[in-house]
Amino acid sequence: MTAHRCDLIVENHGSVFILQPLTARAREWLDLNVDAPGYMHYCGGIACEPRYAGPIVEAMVDEGYEVE
């Protein structure tokens, strides 16, 4: 049995969401598609306002990424 592993974890911290890539392809997608200045990088992920998290996640899901 193979363990299911998603590409991206979305952490809701109230006024900030953390988008944490778990695969190299998710990291590459974020690097190519999200203009995140240095201050938005947090523990290997991207910190963003809730209003931006939804559209980013929707775009990744539309392109076949598994998001949790």
Protein backbone atom coordinates (compact mmCIF):
# COMPACT_ATOMS: atom_id res chain seq x y z
CA MET A 1 0.00 0.00 0.00
CA THR A 2 1.39 3.40 -1.01
CA ALA A 3 0.90 6.38 1.28
CA HIS A 4 -0.94 9.28 -0.32
CA ARG A 5 1.14 12.42 -0.38
CA CYS A 6 -0.21 15.77 -1.42
CA ASP A 7 1.77 18.45 -3.22
CA LEU A 8 0.82 21.42 -1.05
CA ILE A 9 -0.47 21.97 2.45
CA VAL A 10 -2.46 25.11 3.22
CA GLU A 11 -2.22 26.31 6.81
CA ASN A 12 -4.80 28.83 8.01
CA HIS A 13 -3.40 31.06 10.74
CA GLY A 14 -6.24 33.59 10.71
CA SER A 15 -4.86 36.73 9.11
CA VAL A 16 -2.09 34.81 7.32
CA PHE A 17 -2.08 31.60 5.29
CA ILE A 18 1.06 29.51 4.81
CA LEU A 19 1.31 27.64 1.52
CA GLN A 20 3.76 24.81 2.21
CA PRO A 21 4.93 22.84 -0.85
CA LEU A 22 5.73 19.17 -0.17
CA THR A 23 6.97 18.22 -3.62
CA ALA A 24 9.59 19.68 -5.94
CA ARG A 25 7.00 20.26 -8.65
CA ALA A 26 4.79 22.27 -6.26
CA ARG A 27 7.80 24.35 -5.20
CA GLU A 28 8.63 24.98 -8.86
CA TRP A 29 5.03 25.97 -9.62
CA LEU A 30 4.98 28.48 -6.75
CA ASP A 31 8.35 29.91 -7.82
CA LEU A 32 7.14 30.37 -11.40
CA ASN A 33 3.60 31.60 -10.70
CA VAL A 34 3.65 33.54 -7.43
CA ASP A 35 5.56 36.81 -7.18
CA ALA A 36 6.57 36.46 -3.54
CA PRO A 37 9.08 38.99 -2.19
CA GLY A 38 11.60 37.72 0.35
CA TYR A 39 9.53 38.79 3.36
CA MET A 40 6.74 36.42 2.28
CA HIS A 41 8.96 33.32 2.48
CA TYR A 42 8.42 31.42 5.72
CA CYS A 43 9.89 28.04 6.71
CA GLY A 44 10.12 26.84 3.12
CA GLY A 45 6.63 28.05 2.26
CA ILE A 46 4.94 31.29 1.32
CA ALA A 47 3.01 33.44 3.78
CA CYS A 48 0.15 35.37 2.20
CA GLU A 49 -3.10 37.12 2.98
CA PRO A 50 -6.25 34.97 2.86
CA ARG A 51 -7.53 36.82 -0.22
CA TYR A 52 -4.54 35.54 -2.23
CA ALA A 53 -4.46 31.99 -0.90
CA GLY A 54 -7.74 30.94 -2.52
CA PRO A 55 -6.85 31.91 -6.10
CA ILE A 56 -3.37 30.35 -5.80
CA VAL A 57 -4.81 27.08 -4.48
CA GLU A 58 -7.56 27.04 -7.13
CA ALA A 59 -4.98 27.49 -9.90
CA MET A 60 -2.86 24.65 -8.54
CA VAL A 61 -5.86 22.32 -8.23
CA ASP A 62 -6.93 23.21 -11.78
CA GLU A 63 -3.47 22.12 -12.96
CA GLY A 64 -3.75 18.77 -11.18
CA TYR A 65 -1.93 19.39 -7.90
CA GLU A 66 -3.13 17.66 -4.74
CA VAL A 67 -3.80 20.23 -2.03
CA GLU A 68 -4.66 19.54 1.58
